[in-house]
Amino acid sequence: MLLAATKLESIDAYKLWIPGGLVFPSSELEYVKLYRSDCLGAVAVYSPVLKMLDLQACYDLRTIDILLETKGFPTIEKDFPTINPKTASKFDVSIMNCSFPEMLIPTLEENPRVSNIFGAGAADVEDDFGDGYLLSFV
């Protein structure tokens, strides 16, 4: 259903139970707040105007995709224009109480659109990359 919400401006959800992942393809999406979405395994966001990506206490989250384009993305039918990271909005990310290993935080910090990261290093997780964690910017 969210794949059809291409004009979505914000989403705020508490304990949203979605086994697998969520995709947010919207040219107007400014705020994503998913709090305690315990079994959410992946999030993909396409938005040139994003201001906040709040994934607090998403304990099962393994994959974050910050999409620069939707062409070829398997679950998005409509192609949006490619986002230029130099002109697109910068946004804050909250990963407080998520289970991200600290070794992946530099990848998030290197994204030119990410302004601040809240909660980095707060989780008590071993640095085991073989556990399926992935941060990507495609």
Protein backbone atom coordinates (compact mmCIF):
# COMPACT_ATOMS: atom_id res chain seq x y z
CA MET A 1 0.00 0.00 0.00
CA LEU A 2 2.83 2.44 0.76
CA LEU A 3 4.18 1.93 -2.75
CA ALA A 4 1.13 3.79 -4.03
CA ALA A 5 1.60 6.66 -1.54
CA THR A 6 3.92 8.67 -3.77
CA LYS A 7 2.74 11.98 -2.24
CA LEU A 8 3.17 10.85 1.39
CA GLU A 9 4.61 13.70 3.51
CA SER A 10 5.12 11.96 6.86
CA ILE A 11 4.56 8.71 8.69
CA ASP A 12 4.57 8.18 12.45
CA ALA A 13 3.99 4.62 13.64
CA TYR A 14 4.31 2.83 16.97
CA LYS A 15 4.82 -0.95 17.03
CA LEU A 16 4.17 -1.32 13.31
CA TRP A 17 4.48 -5.07 12.75
CA ILE A 18 5.67 -5.63 9.21
CA PRO A 19 7.66 -8.83 8.75
CA GLY A 20 10.28 -8.13 6.13
CA GLY A 21 10.61 -4.55 4.98
CA LEU A 22 9.00 -1.23 4.11
CA VAL A 23 9.59 0.92 1.05
CA PHE A 24 8.80 4.65 1.06
CA PRO A 25 8.89 6.06 -2.50
CA SER A 26 7.67 9.64 -2.18
CA SER A 27 8.91 12.88 -3.65
CA GLU A 28 7.34 14.78 -0.71
CA LEU A 29 8.28 12.61 2.29
CA GLU A 30 9.85 14.73 5.06
CA TYR A 31 9.48 12.65 8.24
CA VAL A 32 9.66 8.91 8.88
CA LYS A 33 9.21 7.84 12.49
CA LEU A 34 8.99 4.13 13.15
CA TYR A 35 9.18 3.47 16.89
CA ARG A 36 9.37 -0.08 18.26
CA SER A 37 8.73 -1.75 14.92
CA ASP A 38 10.29 -4.86 16.37
CA CYS A 39 10.15 -7.28 13.44
CA LEU A 40 10.91 -4.74 10.70
CA GLY A 41 13.96 -6.07 8.88
CA ALA A 42 14.50 -3.47 6.16
CA VAL A 43 13.66 0.12 5.24
CA ALA A 44 14.13 1.74 1.83
CA VAL A 45 13.50 5.48 1.45
CA TYR A 46 13.38 7.60 -1.68
CA SER A 47 12.80 11.28 -0.90
CA PRO A 48 14.67 14.37 -2.06
CA VAL A 49 13.14 16.42 0.82
CA LEU A 50 13.63 14.05 3.79
CA LYS A 51 14.36 15.83 7.10
CA MET A 52 14.21 13.01 9.68
CA LEU A 53 14.57 9.23 9.55
CA ASP A 54 13.74 8.03 13.07
CA LEU A 55 14.12 4.28 13.51
CA GLN A 56 14.27 4.21 17.30
CA ALA A 57 14.03 0.77 18.90
CA CYS A 58 13.60 -1.12 15.63
CA TYR A 59 15.41 -4.09 17.10
CA ASP A 60 15.35 -6.37 14.07
CA LEU A 61 16.39 -3.80 11.46
CA ARG A 62 19.20 -5.15 9.29
CA THR A 63 19.01 -3.06 6.10
CA ILE A 64 18.63 0.65 5.39
CA ASP A 65 18.54 1.78 1.76
CA ILE A 66 18.71 5.52 1.07
CA LEU A 67 17.67 5.50 -2.58
CA LEU A 68 18.97 8.07 -5.03
CA GLU A 69 16.83 6.61 -7.79
CA THR A 70 13.99 4.13 -8.10
CA LYS A 71 14.77 2.82 -11.57
CA GLY A 72 15.30 -0.89 -11.31
CA PHE A 73 14.21 -1.09 -7.66
CA PRO A 74 12.13 -4.27 -7.73
CA THR A 75 9.07 -3.18 -5.75
CA ILE A 76 8.67 0.40 -7.03
CA GLU A 77 6.73 0.58 -10.27
CA LYS A 78 6.95 4.33 -10.88
CA ASP A 79 10.34 5.78 -11.75
CA PHE A 80 11.18 9.04 -10.00
CA PRO A 81 13.94 11.43 -11.08
CA THR A 82 17.42 10.68 -9.78
CA ILE A 83 18.22 12.59 -6.58
CA ASN A 84 21.31 14.77 -6.66
CA PRO A 85 22.87 14.43 -3.17
CA LYS A 86 24.38 17.92 -3.48
CA THR A 87 21.03 19.66 -3.94
CA ALA A 88 18.73 17.33 -1.98
CA SER A 89 17.86 18.00 1.64
CA LYS A 90 20.05 16.87 4.48
CA PHE A 91 18.39 14.77 7.16
CA ASP A 92 18.91 13.46 10.69
CA VAL A 93 18.87 9.76 11.52
CA SER A 94 17.95 8.22 14.86
CA ILE A 95 19.07 4.63 15.42
CA MET A 96 18.75 4.77 19.19
CA ASN A 97 18.31 1.27 20.63
CA CYS A 98 18.62 -0.36 17.22
CA SER A 99 20.84 -3.39 16.79
CA PHE A 100 23.33 -1.90 14.36
CA PRO A 101 26.95 -2.89 14.89
CA GLU A 102 29.22 0.09 15.42
CA MET A 103 31.32 -0.89 12.42
CA LEU A 104 28.47 0.23 10.10
CA ILE A 105 28.06 3.71 11.59
CA PRO A 106 30.88 5.20 9.42
CA THR A 107 28.96 4.14 6.29
CA LEU A 108 25.97 6.13 7.52
CA GLU A 109 28.19 9.08 8.44
CA GLU A 110 29.72 9.12 4.95
CA ASN A 111 26.37 9.70 3.26
CA PRO A 112 26.46 13.34 2.09
CA ARG A 113 22.79 13.81 2.97
CA VAL A 114 23.05 12.69 6.61
CA SER A 115 23.43 15.67 9.00
CA ASN A 116 23.32 14.03 12.44
CA ILE A 117 23.11 10.52 13.78
CA PHE A 118 21.45 10.02 17.13
CA GLY A 119 21.95 6.88 19.18
CA ALA A 120 25.04 5.60 17.41
CA GLY A 121 26.89 3.13 19.59
CA ALA A 122 24.05 2.91 22.10
CA ALA A 123 23.19 -0.71 21.36
CA ASP A 124 25.08 -3.48 23.09
CA VAL A 125 25.78 -5.58 20.00
CA GLU A 126 28.82 -7.56 18.98
CA ASP A 127 30.52 -6.45 15.78
CA ASP A 128 29.49 -9.47 13.74
CA PHE A 129 29.03 -8.44 10.12
CA GLY A 130 28.11 -11.98 9.18
CA ASP A 131 24.72 -11.52 10.86
CA GLY A 132 23.05 -9.91 7.82
CA TYR A 133 23.45 -6.20 8.61
CA LEU A 134 23.58 -3.84 5.66
CA LEU A 135 23.61 -0.08 5.22
CA SER A 136 23.53 1.03 1.64
CA PHE A 137 23.08 4.19 -0.36
CA VAL A 138 22.06 3.41 -3.92
